[in-house]
PDB file of all heavy atoms in Angstrom:
ATOM      1  N   TRP A   1     -86.696  86.834 -42.320  1.00  0.00           N
ATOM      2  CA  TRP A   1     -87.384  87.794 -43.238  1.00  0.00           C
ATOM      3  C   TRP A   1     -88.744  87.293 -43.674  1.00  0.00           C
ATOM      4  O   TRP A   1     -89.698  88.102 -43.696  1.00  0.00           O
ATOM      5  CB  TRP A   1     -86.483  88.043 -44.488  1.00  0.00           C
ATOM      6  CG  TRP A   1     -87.237  88.935 -45.458  1.00  0.00           C
ATOM      7  CD1 TRP A   1     -87.957  88.590 -46.506  1.00  0.00           C
ATOM      8  CD2 TRP A   1     -87.315  90.355 -45.336  1.00  0.00           C
ATOM      9  NE1 TRP A   1     -88.493  89.719 -47.126  1.00  0.00           N
ATOM     10  CE2 TRP A   1     -88.130  90.789 -46.414  1.00  0.00           C
ATOM     11  CE3 TRP A   1     -86.822  91.333 -44.459  1.00  0.00           C
ATOM     12  CZ2 TRP A   1     -88.456  92.121 -46.610  1.00  0.00           C
ATOM     13  CZ3 TRP A   1     -87.111  92.655 -44.665  1.00  0.00           C
ATOM     14  CH2 TRP A   1     -87.924  93.023 -45.778  1.00  0.00           C
ATOM     15  N   ALA A   2     -88.862  86.026 -44.001  1.00  0.00           N
ATOM     16  CA  ALA A   2     -90.148  85.538 -44.505  1.00  0.00           C
ATOM     17  C   ALA A   2     -91.263  85.685 -43.386  1.00  0.00           C
ATOM     18  O   ALA A   2     -92.321  86.101 -43.707  1.00  0.00           O
ATOM     19  CB  ALA A   2     -90.015  84.053 -44.852  1.00  0.00           C
ATOM     20  N   ARG A   3     -90.894  85.394 -42.174  1.00  0.00           N
ATOM     21  CA  ARG A   3     -91.898  85.547 -41.123  1.00  0.00           C
ATOM     22  C   ARG A   3     -92.297  87.004 -40.955  1.00  0.00           C
ATOM     23  O   ARG A   3     -93.492  87.346 -40.812  1.00  0.00           O
ATOM     24  CB  ARG A   3     -91.357  84.998 -39.779  1.00  0.00           C
ATOM     25  CG  ARG A   3     -92.429  84.859 -38.719  1.00  0.00           C
ATOM     26  CD  ARG A   3     -91.878  84.177 -37.463  1.00  0.00           C
ATOM     27  NE  ARG A   3     -90.864  84.963 -36.788  1.00  0.00           N
ATOM     28  CZ  ARG A   3     -90.351  84.631 -35.623  1.00  0.00           C
ATOM     29  NH1 ARG A   3     -90.748  83.508 -35.034  1.00  0.00           N
ATOM     30  NH2 ARG A   3     -89.422  85.369 -35.043  1.00  0.00           N
ATOM     31  N   HIS A   4     -91.296  87.882 -41.013  1.00  0.00           N
ATOM     32  CA  HIS A   4     -91.588  89.356 -40.896  1.00  0.00           C
ATOM     33  C   HIS A   4     -92.467  89.768 -42.099  1.00  0.00           C
ATOM     34  O   HIS A   4     -93.479  90.474 -41.889  1.00  0.00           O
ATOM     35  CB  HIS A   4     -90.273  90.083 -40.896  1.00  0.00           C
ATOM     36  CG  HIS A   4     -90.394  91.544 -41.176  1.00  0.00           C
ATOM     37  ND1 HIS A   4     -90.803  92.437 -40.235  1.00  0.00           N
ATOM     38  CD2 HIS A   4     -90.245  92.291 -42.324  1.00  0.00           C
ATOM     39  CE1 HIS A   4     -90.887  93.700 -40.734  1.00  0.00           C
ATOM     40  NE2 HIS A   4     -90.514  93.607 -42.026  1.00  0.00           N
ATOM     41  N   ASP A   5     -92.134  89.406 -43.289  1.00  0.00           N
ATOM     42  CA  ASP A   5     -92.835  89.846 -44.473  1.00  0.00           C
ATOM     43  C   ASP A   5     -94.271  89.294 -44.501  1.00  0.00           C
ATOM     44  O   ASP A   5     -95.204  90.032 -44.766  1.00  0.00           O
ATOM     45  CB  ASP A   5     -92.073  89.400 -45.729  1.00  0.00           C
ATOM     46  CG  ASP A   5     -92.627  90.013 -47.001  1.00  0.00           C
ATOM     47  OD1 ASP A   5     -93.138  91.168 -46.913  1.00  0.00           O
ATOM     48  OD2 ASP A   5     -92.579  89.363 -48.044  1.00  0.00           O
ATOM     49  N   LEU A   6     -94.421  88.032 -44.159  1.00  0.00           N
ATOM     50  CA  LEU A   6     -95.757  87.446 -44.169  1.00  0.00           C
ATOM     51  C   LEU A   6     -96.657  88.072 -43.114  1.00  0.00           C
ATOM     52  O   LEU A   6     -97.879  88.302 -43.311  1.00  0.00           O
ATOM     53  CB  LEU A   6     -95.668  85.956 -43.984  1.00  0.00           C
ATOM     54  CG  LEU A   6     -95.028  85.131 -45.072  1.00  0.00           C
ATOM     55  CD1 LEU A   6     -94.692  83.743 -44.612  1.00  0.00           C
ATOM     56  CD2 LEU A   6     -95.936  85.065 -46.329  1.00  0.00           C
ATOM     57  N   THR A   7     -96.098  88.403 -41.976  1.00  0.00           N
ATOM     58  CA  THR A   7     -96.848  89.009 -40.896  1.00  0.00           C
ATOM     59  C   THR A   7     -97.231  90.435 -41.285  1.00  0.00           C
ATOM     60  O   THR A   7     -98.401  90.835 -41.109  1.00  0.00           O
ATOM     61  CB  THR A   7     -96.040  89.000 -39.588  1.00  0.00           C
ATOM     62  OG1 THR A   7     -95.674  87.681 -39.226  1.00  0.00           O
ATOM     63  CG2 THR A   7     -96.851  89.630 -38.446  1.00  0.00           C
ATOM     64  N   GLN A   8     -96.263  91.184 -41.768  1.00  0.00           N
ATOM     65  CA  GLN A   8     -96.515  92.615 -42.114  1.00  0.00           C
ATOM     66  C   GLN A   8     -97.497  92.752 -43.258  1.00  0.00           C
ATOM     67  O   GLN A   8     -98.328  93.640 -43.278  1.00  0.00           O
ATOM     68  CB  GLN A   8     -95.227  93.306 -42.426  1.00  0.00           C
ATOM     69  CG  GLN A   8     -94.251  93.466 -41.271  1.00  0.00           C
ATOM     70  CD  GLN A   8     -94.876  94.287 -40.151  1.00  0.00           C
ATOM     71  OE1 GLN A   8     -95.174  93.793 -39.074  1.00  0.00           O
ATOM     72  NE2 GLN A   8     -95.070  95.574 -40.437  1.00  0.00           N
ATOM     73  N   SER A   9     -97.385  91.839 -44.267  1.00  0.00           N
ATOM     74  CA  SER A   9     -98.208  92.010 -45.453  1.00  0.00           C
ATOM     75  C   SER A   9     -99.659  91.538 -45.218  1.00  0.00           C
ATOM     76  O   SER A   9    -100.576  91.925 -45.981  1.00  0.00           O
ATOM     77  CB  SER A   9     -97.610  91.227 -46.659  1.00  0.00           C
ATOM     78  OG  SER A   9     -97.664  89.839 -46.354  1.00  0.00           O
ATOM     79  N   GLY A  10     -99.876  90.668 -44.223  1.00  0.00           N
ATOM     80  CA  GLY A  10    -101.170  90.133 -43.999  1.00  0.00           C
ATOM     81  C   GLY A  10    -101.620  89.271 -45.129  1.00  0.00           C
ATOM     82  O   GLY A  10    -102.850  89.004 -45.319  1.00  0.00           O
ATOM     83  N   ALA A  11    -100.667  88.715 -45.886  1.00  0.00           N
ATOM     84  CA  ALA A  11    -101.010  87.928 -47.073  1.00  0.00           C
ATOM     85  C   ALA A  11    -101.589  86.606 -46.747  1.00  0.00           C
ATOM     86  O   ALA A  11    -102.358  86.017 -47.522  1.00  0.00           O
ATOM     87  CB  ALA A  11     -99.737  87.748 -47.958  1.00  0.00           C
ATOM     88  N   VAL A  12    -101.254  86.049 -45.574  1.00  0.00           N
ATOM     89  CA  VAL A  12    -101.832  84.773 -45.161  1.00  0.00           C
ATOM     90  C   VAL A  12    -102.233  84.903 -43.735  1.00  0.00           C
ATOM     91  O   VAL A  12    -101.817  85.716 -42.949  1.00  0.00           O
ATOM     92  CB  VAL A  12    -100.766  83.643 -45.278  1.00  0.00           C
ATOM     93  CG1 VAL A  12    -100.378  83.373 -46.707  1.00  0.00           C
ATOM     94  CG2 VAL A  12     -99.511  83.971 -44.467  1.00  0.00           C
ATOM     95  N   THR A  13    -103.274  84.088 -43.375  1.00  0.00           N
ATOM     96  CA  THR A  13    -103.757  84.087 -42.007  1.00  0.00           C
ATOM     97  C   THR A  13    -102.950  83.164 -41.139  1.00  0.00           C
ATOM     98  O   THR A  13    -102.352  82.198 -41.675  1.00  0.00           O
ATOM     99  CB  THR A  13    -105.263  83.678 -41.946  1.00  0.00           C
ATOM    100  OG1 THR A  13    -105.370  82.381 -42.569  1.00  0.00           O
ATOM    101  CG2 THR A  13    -106.120  84.653 -42.722  1.00  0.00           C
ATOM    102  N   ARG A  14    -102.925  83.443 -39.861  1.00  0.00           N
ATOM    103  CA  ARG A  14    -102.186  82.562 -38.943  1.00  0.00           C
ATOM    104  C   ARG A  14    -102.848  81.196 -38.859  1.00  0.00           C
ATOM    105  O   ARG A  14    -104.089  81.087 -38.956  1.00  0.00           O
ATOM    106  CB  ARG A  14    -102.075  83.178 -37.567  1.00  0.00           C
ATOM    107  CG  ARG A  14    -101.145  84.416 -37.563  1.00  0.00           C
ATOM    108  CD  ARG A  14    -101.047  85.007 -36.159  1.00  0.00           C
ATOM    109  NE  ARG A  14    -100.121  86.116 -36.144  1.00  0.00           N
ATOM    110  CZ  ARG A  14     -98.818  85.997 -35.992  1.00  0.00           C
ATOM    111  NH1 ARG A  14     -98.288  84.797 -35.819  1.00  0.00           N
ATOM    112  NH2 ARG A  14     -98.021  87.069 -35.984  1.00  0.00           N
ATOM    113  N   LEU A  15    -102.020  80.194 -38.650  1.00  0.00           N
ATOM    114  CA  LEU A  15    -102.562  78.821 -38.533  1.00  0.00           C
ATOM    115  C   LEU A  15    -103.254  78.711 -37.167  1.00  0.00           C
ATOM    116  O   LEU A  15    -102.767  79.135 -36.139  1.00  0.00           O
ATOM    117  CB  LEU A  15    -101.397  77.823 -38.601  1.00  0.00           C
ATOM    118  CG  LEU A  15    -100.522  77.927 -39.860  1.00  0.00           C
ATOM    119  CD1 LEU A  15     -99.349  76.974 -39.729  1.00  0.00           C
ATOM    120  CD2 LEU A  15    -101.353  77.614 -41.092  1.00  0.00           C
ATOM    121  N   SER A  16    -104.436  78.068 -37.196  1.00  0.00           N
ATOM    122  CA  SER A  16    -105.119  77.832 -35.942  1.00  0.00           C
ATOM    123  C   SER A  16    -104.672  76.656 -35.224  1.00  0.00           C
ATOM    124  O   SER A  16    -104.642  76.601 -33.960  1.00  0.00           O
ATOM    125  CB  SER A  16    -106.635  77.740 -36.254  1.00  0.00           C
ATOM    126  OG  SER A  16    -106.908  76.650 -37.087  1.00  0.00           O
ATOM    127  N   GLN A  17    -104.238  75.634 -35.953  1.00  0.00           N
ATOM    128  CA  GLN A  17    -103.755  74.424 -35.305  1.00  0.00           C
ATOM    129  C   GLN A  17    -102.928  73.656 -36.253  1.00  0.00           C
ATOM    130  O   GLN A  17    -103.214  73.546 -37.442  1.00  0.00           O
ATOM    131  CB  GLN A  17    -104.938  73.553 -34.811  1.00  0.00           C
ATOM    132  CG  GLN A  17    -104.467  72.337 -34.007  1.00  0.00           C
ATOM    133  CD  GLN A  17    -105.601  71.713 -33.234  1.00  0.00           C
ATOM    134  OE1 GLN A  17    -106.622  72.376 -32.974  1.00  0.00           O
ATOM    135  NE2 GLN A  17    -105.487  70.483 -32.851  1.00  0.00           N
ATOM    136  N   VAL A  18    -101.796  73.081 -35.810  1.00  0.00           N
ATOM    137  CA  VAL A  18    -100.915  72.354 -36.680  1.00  0.00           C
ATOM    138  C   VAL A  18    -101.385  70.961 -36.867  1.00  0.00           C
ATOM    139  O   VAL A  18    -101.554  70.489 -37.981  1.00  0.00           O
ATOM    140  CB  VAL A  18     -99.457  72.352 -36.110  1.00  0.00           C
ATOM    141  CG1 VAL A  18     -98.575  71.453 -36.926  1.00  0.00           C
ATOM    142  CG2 VAL A  18     -98.918  73.770 -36.116  1.00  0.00           C
ATOM    143  N   ASP A  19    -101.614  70.192 -35.839  1.00  0.00           N
ATOM    144  CA  ASP A  19    -102.196  68.863 -36.013  1.00  0.00           C
ATOM    145  C   ASP A  19    -102.701  68.395 -34.647  1.00  0.00           C
ATOM    146  O   ASP A  19    -102.612  69.121 -33.642  1.00  0.00           O
ATOM    147  CB  ASP A  19    -101.164  67.852 -36.549  1.00  0.00           C
ATOM    148  CG  ASP A  19     -99.942  67.668 -35.679  1.00  0.00           C
ATOM    149  OD1 ASP A  19    -100.026  67.878 -34.437  1.00  0.00           O
ATOM    150  OD2 ASP A  19     -98.890  67.287 -36.187  1.00  0.00           O
ATOM    151  N   SER A  20    -103.385  67.278 -34.612  1.00  0.00           N
ATOM    152  CA  SER A  20    -103.968  66.755 -33.411  1.00  0.00           C
ATOM    153  C   SER A  20    -103.007  66.363 -32.327  1.00  0.00           C
ATOM    154  O   SER A  20    -103.356  66.177 -31.149  1.00  0.00           O
ATOM    155  CB  SER A  20    -104.879  65.579 -33.769  1.00  0.00           C
ATOM    156  OG  SER A  20    -104.089  64.514 -34.293  1.00  0.00           O
ATOM    157  N   GLU A  21    -101.722  66.238 -32.696  1.00  0.00           N
ATOM    158  CA  GLU A  21    -100.716  65.820 -31.707  1.00  0.00           C
ATOM    159  C   GLU A  21    -100.235  66.997 -30.863  1.00  0.00           C
ATOM    160  O   GLU A  21     -99.526  66.807 -29.841  1.00  0.00           O
ATOM    161  CB  GLU A  21     -99.509  65.202 -32.455  1.00  0.00           C
ATOM    162  CG  GLU A  21     -99.866  63.952 -33.182  1.00  0.00           C
ATOM    163  CD  GLU A  21     -98.638  63.407 -33.952  1.00  0.00           C
ATOM    164  OE1 GLU A  21     -97.609  64.085 -33.908  1.00  0.00           O
ATOM    165  OE2 GLU A  21     -98.772  62.346 -34.571  1.00  0.00           O
ATOM    166  N   SER A  22    -100.502  68.223 -31.264  1.00  0.00           N
ATOM    167  CA  SER A  22     -99.975  69.363 -30.560  1.00  0.00           C
ATOM    168  C   SER A  22    -101.004  70.356 -30.192  1.00  0.00           C
ATOM    169  O   SER A  22    -102.130  70.321 -30.696  1.00  0.00           O
ATOM    170  CB  SER A  22     -98.893  70.021 -31.439  1.00  0.00           C
ATOM    171  OG  SER A  22     -99.494  70.546 -32.581  1.00  0.00           O
ATOM    172  N   ALA A  23    -100.647  71.266 -29.311  1.00  0.00           N
ATOM    173  CA  ALA A  23    -101.532  72.356 -28.950  1.00  0.00           C
ATOM    174  C   ALA A  23    -101.667  73.286 -30.143  1.00  0.00           C
ATOM    175  O   ALA A  23    -100.817  73.267 -31.046  1.00  0.00           O
ATOM    176  CB  ALA A  23    -100.950  73.089 -27.755  1.00  0.00           C
ATOM    177  N   PRO A  24    -102.706  74.139 -30.191  1.00  0.00           N
ATOM    178  CA  PRO A  24    -102.808  75.122 -31.268  1.00  0.00           C
ATOM    179  C   PRO A  24    -101.515  75.914 -31.442  1.00  0.00           C
ATOM    180  O   PRO A  24    -100.903  76.314 -30.515  1.00  0.00           O
ATOM    181  CB  PRO A  24    -103.977  76.000 -30.818  1.00  0.00           C
ATOM    182  CG  PRO A  24    -104.785  75.126 -29.954  1.00  0.00           C
ATOM    183  CD  PRO A  24    -103.830  74.221 -29.235  1.00  0.00           C
ATOM    184  N   ASP A  25    -101.119  76.080 -32.680  1.00  0.00           N
ATOM    185  CA  ASP A  25     -99.881  76.744 -33.033  1.00  0.00           C
ATOM    186  C   ASP A  25    -100.173  77.985 -33.866  1.00  0.00           C
ATOM    187  O   ASP A  25    -100.759  77.887 -34.929  1.00  0.00           O
ATOM    188  CB  ASP A  25     -99.013  75.780 -33.879  1.00  0.00           C
ATOM    189  CG  ASP A  25     -97.555  76.299 -34.006  1.00  0.00           C
ATOM    190  OD1 ASP A  25     -97.370  77.525 -34.194  1.00  0.00           O
ATOM    191  OD2 ASP A  25     -96.621  75.450 -33.967  1.00  0.00           O
ATOM    192  N   GLN A  26     -99.850  79.151 -33.318  1.00  0.00           N
ATOM    193  CA  GLN A  26    -100.247  80.415 -33.949  1.00  0.00           C
ATOM    194  C   GLN A  26     -99.174  80.938 -34.914  1.00  0.00           C
ATOM    195  O   GLN A  26     -99.255  82.069 -35.371  1.00  0.00           O
ATOM    196  CB  GLN A  26    -100.557  81.449 -32.872  1.00  0.00           C
ATOM    197  CG  GLN A  26    -101.710  81.094 -31.985  1.00  0.00           C
ATOM    198  CD  GLN A  26    -102.970  80.911 -32.751  1.00  0.00           C
ATOM    199  OE1 GLN A  26    -103.319  81.740 -33.573  1.00  0.00           O
ATOM    200  NE2 GLN A  26    -103.712  79.811 -32.483  1.00  0.00           N
ATOM    201  N   ARG A  27     -98.141  80.156 -35.209  1.00  0.00           N
ATOM    202  CA  ARG A  27     -97.097  80.625 -36.066  1.00  0.00           C
ATOM    203  C   ARG A  27     -97.461  80.522 -37.530  1.00  0.00           C
ATOM    204  O   ARG A  27     -98.028  79.528 -37.978  1.00  0.00           O
ATOM    205  CB  ARG A  27     -95.836  79.843 -35.816  1.00  0.00           C
ATOM    206  CG  ARG A  27     -95.173  80.129 -34.455  1.00  0.00           C
ATOM    207  CD  ARG A  27     -94.005  79.228 -34.202  1.00  0.00           C
ATOM    208  NE  ARG A  27     -94.436  77.819 -34.000  1.00  0.00           N
ATOM    209  CZ  ARG A  27     -93.713  76.896 -33.451  1.00  0.00           C
ATOM    210  NH1 ARG A  27     -92.489  77.189 -33.013  1.00  0.00           N
ATOM    211  NH2 ARG A  27     -94.103  75.644 -33.301  1.00  0.00           N
ATOM    212  N   ILE A  28     -97.137  81.536 -38.308  1.00  0.00           N
ATOM    213  CA  ILE A  28     -97.328  81.453 -39.744  1.00  0.00           C
ATOM    214  C   ILE A  28     -96.459  80.347 -40.336  1.00  0.00           C
ATOM    215  O   ILE A  28     -96.868  79.582 -41.162  1.00  0.00           O
ATOM    216  CB  ILE A  28     -97.027  82.817 -40.392  1.00  0.00           C
ATOM    217  CG1 ILE A  28     -98.165  83.804 -40.131  1.00  0.00           C
ATOM    218  CG2 ILE A  28     -96.810  82.684 -41.909  1.00  0.00           C
ATOM    219  CD1 ILE A  28     -97.924  85.182 -40.662  1.00  0.00           C
ATOM    220  N   ILE A  29     -95.178  80.277 -39.845  1.00  0.00           N
ATOM    221  CA  ILE A  29     -94.287  79.253 -40.349  1.00  0.00           C
ATOM    222  C   ILE A  29     -94.134  78.226 -39.268  1.00  0.00           C
ATOM    223  O   ILE A  29     -93.515  78.460 -38.235  1.00  0.00           O
ATOM    224  CB  ILE A  29     -92.897  79.892 -40.697  1.00  0.00           C
ATOM    225  CG1 ILE A  29     -93.060  80.936 -41.828  1.00  0.00           C
ATOM    226  CG2 ILE A  29     -91.898  78.814 -41.097  1.00  0.00           C
ATOM    227  CD1 ILE A  29     -91.842  81.715 -42.108  1.00  0.00           C
ATOM    228  N   SER A  30     -94.728  77.064 -39.499  1.00  0.00           N
ATOM    229  CA  SER A  30     -94.699  75.946 -38.529  1.00  0.00           C
ATOM    230  C   SER A  30     -93.641  74.905 -38.896  1.00  0.00           C
ATOM    231  O   SER A  30     -93.228  74.129 -38.081  1.00  0.00           O
ATOM    232  CB  SER A  30     -96.040  75.307 -38.354  1.00  0.00           C
ATOM    233  OG  SER A  30     -96.457  74.746 -39.678  1.00  0.00           O
ATOM    234  N   ASN A  31     -93.286  74.851 -40.188  1.00  0.00           N
ATOM    235  CA  ASN A  31     -92.374  73.818 -40.706  1.00  0.00           C
ATOM    236  C   ASN A  31     -91.288  74.490 -41.563  1.00  0.00           C
ATOM    237  O   ASN A  31     -91.572  75.448 -42.250  1.00  0.00           O
ATOM    238  CB  ASN A  31     -93.103  72.807 -41.588  1.00  0.00           C
ATOM    239  CG  ASN A  31     -94.106  71.968 -40.857  1.00  0.00           C
ATOM    240  OD1 ASN A  31     -94.919  72.460 -40.089  1.00  0.00           O
ATOM    241  ND2 ASN A  31     -94.065  70.662 -41.085  1.00  0.00           N
ATOM    242  N   VAL A  32     -90.090  73.944 -41.468  1.00  0.00           N
ATOM    243  CA  VAL A  32     -88.984  74.418 -42.381  1.00  0.00           C
ATOM    244  C   VAL A  32     -88.404  73.179 -43.011  1.00  0.00           C
ATOM    245  O   VAL A  32     -88.125  72.213 -42.384  1.00  0.00           O
ATOM    246  CB  VAL A  32     -87.919  75.150 -41.563  1.00  0.00           C
ATOM    247  CG1 VAL A  32     -86.729  75.524 -42.490  1.00  0.00           C
ATOM    248  CG2 VAL A  32     -88.466  76.459 -40.970  1.00  0.00           C
ATOM    249  N   VAL A  33     -88.197  73.301 -44.337  1.00  0.00           N
ATOM    250  CA  VAL A  33     -87.536  72.243 -45.097  1.00  0.00           C
ATOM    251  C   VAL A  33     -86.338  72.749 -45.810  1.00  0.00           C
ATOM    252  O   VAL A  33     -86.427  73.786 -46.449  1.00  0.00           O
ATOM    253  CB  VAL A  33     -88.538  71.530 -46.081  1.00  0.00           C
ATOM    254  CG1 VAL A  33     -89.664  70.843 -45.299  1.00  0.00           C
ATOM    255  CG2 VAL A  33     -89.143  72.504 -47.061  1.00  0.00           C
ATOM    256  N   PHE A  34     -85.224  72.067 -45.681  1.00  0.00           N
ATOM    257  CA  PHE A  34     -84.012  72.406 -46.461  1.00  0.00           C
ATOM    258  C   PHE A  34     -84.139  71.702 -47.787  1.00  0.00           C
ATOM    259  O   PHE A  34     -83.442  70.701 -48.079  1.00  0.00           O
ATOM    260  CB  PHE A  34     -82.772  71.977 -45.671  1.00  0.00           C
ATOM    261  CG  PHE A  34     -82.382  72.875 -44.575  1.00  0.00           C
ATOM    262  CD1 PHE A  34     -83.053  72.845 -43.353  1.00  0.00           C
ATOM    263  CD2 PHE A  34     -81.288  73.765 -44.715  1.00  0.00           C
ATOM    264  CE1 PHE A  34     -82.710  73.701 -42.318  1.00  0.00           C
ATOM    265  CE2 PHE A  34     -80.968  74.600 -43.661  1.00  0.00           C
ATOM    266  CZ  PHE A  34     -81.637  74.560 -42.493  1.00  0.00           C
ATOM    267  N   MET A  35     -85.007  72.236 -48.621  1.00  0.00           N
ATOM    268  CA  MET A  35     -85.252  71.700 -49.981  1.00  0.00           C
ATOM    269  C   MET A  35     -85.118  72.707 -51.036  1.00  0.00           C
ATOM    270  O   MET A  35     -85.549  72.523 -52.167  1.00  0.00           O
ATOM    271  CB  MET A  35     -86.630  71.032 -50.046  1.00  0.00           C
ATOM    272  CG  MET A  35     -86.828  69.832 -49.111  1.00  0.00           C
ATOM    273  SD  MET A  35     -88.460  69.089 -49.269  1.00  0.00           S
ATOM    274  CE  MET A  35     -88.358  67.801 -48.043  1.00  0.00           C
ATOM    275  N   GLY A  36     -84.528  73.875 -50.657  1.00  0.00           N
ATOM    276  CA  GLY A  36     -84.296  74.924 -51.668  1.00  0.00           C
ATOM    277  C   GLY A  36     -83.015  74.692 -52.430  1.00  0.00           C
ATOM    278  O   GLY A  36     -82.601  73.508 -52.642  1.00  0.00           O
ATOM    279  N   MET A  37     -82.346  75.726 -52.798  1.00  0.00           N
ATOM    280  CA  MET A  37     -81.159  75.591 -53.583  1.00  0.00           C
ATOM    281  C   MET A  37     -80.018  75.043 -52.734  1.00  0.00           C
ATOM    282  O   MET A  37     -79.765  75.430 -51.632  1.00  0.00           O
ATOM    283  CB  MET A  37     -80.767  76.972 -54.151  1.00  0.00           C
ATOM    284  CG  MET A  37     -81.808  77.540 -55.091  1.00  0.00           C
ATOM    285  SD  MET A  37     -81.498  79.276 -55.539  1.00  0.00           S
ATOM    286  CE  MET A  37     -80.037  79.097 -56.524  1.00  0.00           C
ATOM    287  N   GLY A  38     -79.282  74.027 -53.360  1.00  0.00           N
ATOM    288  CA  GLY A  38     -78.093  73.468 -52.694  1.00  0.00           C
ATOM    289  C   GLY A  38     -78.326  72.163 -52.039  1.00  0.00           C
ATOM    290  O   GLY A  38     -79.457  71.727 -51.785  1.00  0.00           O
ATOM    291  N   GLU A  39     -77.236  71.472 -51.729  1.00  0.00           N
ATOM    292  CA  GLU A  39     -77.215  70.227 -50.976  1.00  0.00           C
ATOM    293  C   GLU A  39     -76.859  70.598 -49.576  1.00  0.00           C
ATOM    294  O   GLU A  39     -75.675  70.898 -49.287  1.00  0.00           O
ATOM    295  CB  GLU A  39     -76.194  69.226 -51.590  1.00  0.00           C
ATOM    296  CG  GLU A  39     -75.775  68.076 -50.703  1.00  0.00           C
ATOM    297  CD  GLU A  39     -76.927  67.290 -50.138  1.00  0.00           C
ATOM    298  OE1 GLU A  39     -77.682  66.628 -50.946  1.00  0.00           O
ATOM    299  OE2 GLU A  39     -77.100  67.227 -48.925  1.00  0.00           O
ATOM    300  N   PRO A  40     -77.781  70.534 -48.641  1.00  0.00           N
ATOM    301  CA  PRO A  40     -77.502  71.015 -47.224  1.00  0.00           C
ATOM    302  C   PRO A  40     -76.286  70.332 -46.542  1.00  0.00           C
ATOM    303  O   PRO A  40     -75.577  71.000 -45.864  1.00  0.00           O
ATOM    304  CB  PRO A  40     -78.811  70.698 -46.522  1.00  0.00           C
ATOM    305  CG  PRO A  40     -79.839  70.525 -47.550  1.00  0.00           C
ATOM    306  CD  PRO A  40     -79.166  70.038 -48.787  1.00  0.00           C
ATOM    307  N   LEU A  41     -76.139  69.038 -46.789  1.00  0.00           N
ATOM    308  CA  LEU A  41     -75.074  68.343 -46.084  1.00  0.00           C
ATOM    309  C   LEU A  41     -73.750  68.601 -46.611  1.00  0.00           C
ATOM    310  O   LEU A  41     -72.706  68.111 -46.060  1.00  0.00           O
ATOM    311  CB  LEU A  41     -75.423  66.851 -45.986  1.00  0.00           C
ATOM    312  CG  LEU A  41     -76.686  66.456 -45.203  1.00  0.00           C
ATOM    313  CD1 LEU A  41     -76.849  64.989 -45.057  1.00  0.00           C
ATOM    314  CD2 LEU A  41     -76.723  67.162 -43.854  1.00  0.00           C
ATOM    315  N   LEU A  42     -73.614  69.314 -47.741  1.00  0.00           N
ATOM    316  CA  LEU A  42     -72.331  69.757 -48.231  1.00  0.00           C
ATOM    317  C   LEU A  42     -71.983  71.174 -47.717  1.00  0.00           C
ATOM    318  O   LEU A  42     -70.962  71.750 -48.069  1.00  0.00           O
ATOM    319  CB  LEU A  42     -72.254  69.747 -49.756  1.00  0.00           C
ATOM    320  CG  LEU A  42     -72.323  68.339 -50.388  1.00  0.00           C
ATOM    321  CD1 LEU A  42     -72.260  68.419 -51.902  1.00  0.00           C
ATOM    322  CD2 LEU A  42     -71.185  67.476 -49.886  1.00  0.00           C
ATOM    323  N   ASN A  43     -72.868  71.722 -46.888  1.00  0.00           N
ATOM    324  CA  ASN A  43     -72.595  72.991 -46.154  1.00  0.00           C
ATOM    325  C   ASN A  43     -72.921  72.688 -44.694  1.00  0.00           C
ATOM    326  O   ASN A  43     -73.716  73.386 -44.038  1.00  0.00           O
ATOM    327  CB  ASN A  43     -73.471  74.080 -46.707  1.00  0.00           C
ATOM    328  CG  ASN A  43     -73.159  75.431 -46.095  1.00  0.00           C
ATOM    329  OD1 ASN A  43     -72.142  75.609 -45.426  1.00  0.00           O
ATOM    330  ND2 ASN A  43     -74.083  76.365 -46.245  1.00  0.00           N
TER     331      ASN A  43
END
């Protein structure tokens, strides 16, 4: 949903490059962290 919403809303521009170790990355979401609600390893 987040990728869909961010793309449709045009609220942020696409990333031109993630870092020098990789080729240019055109994804809005390049990283995911399980740091939201809950303890991931208990699910």
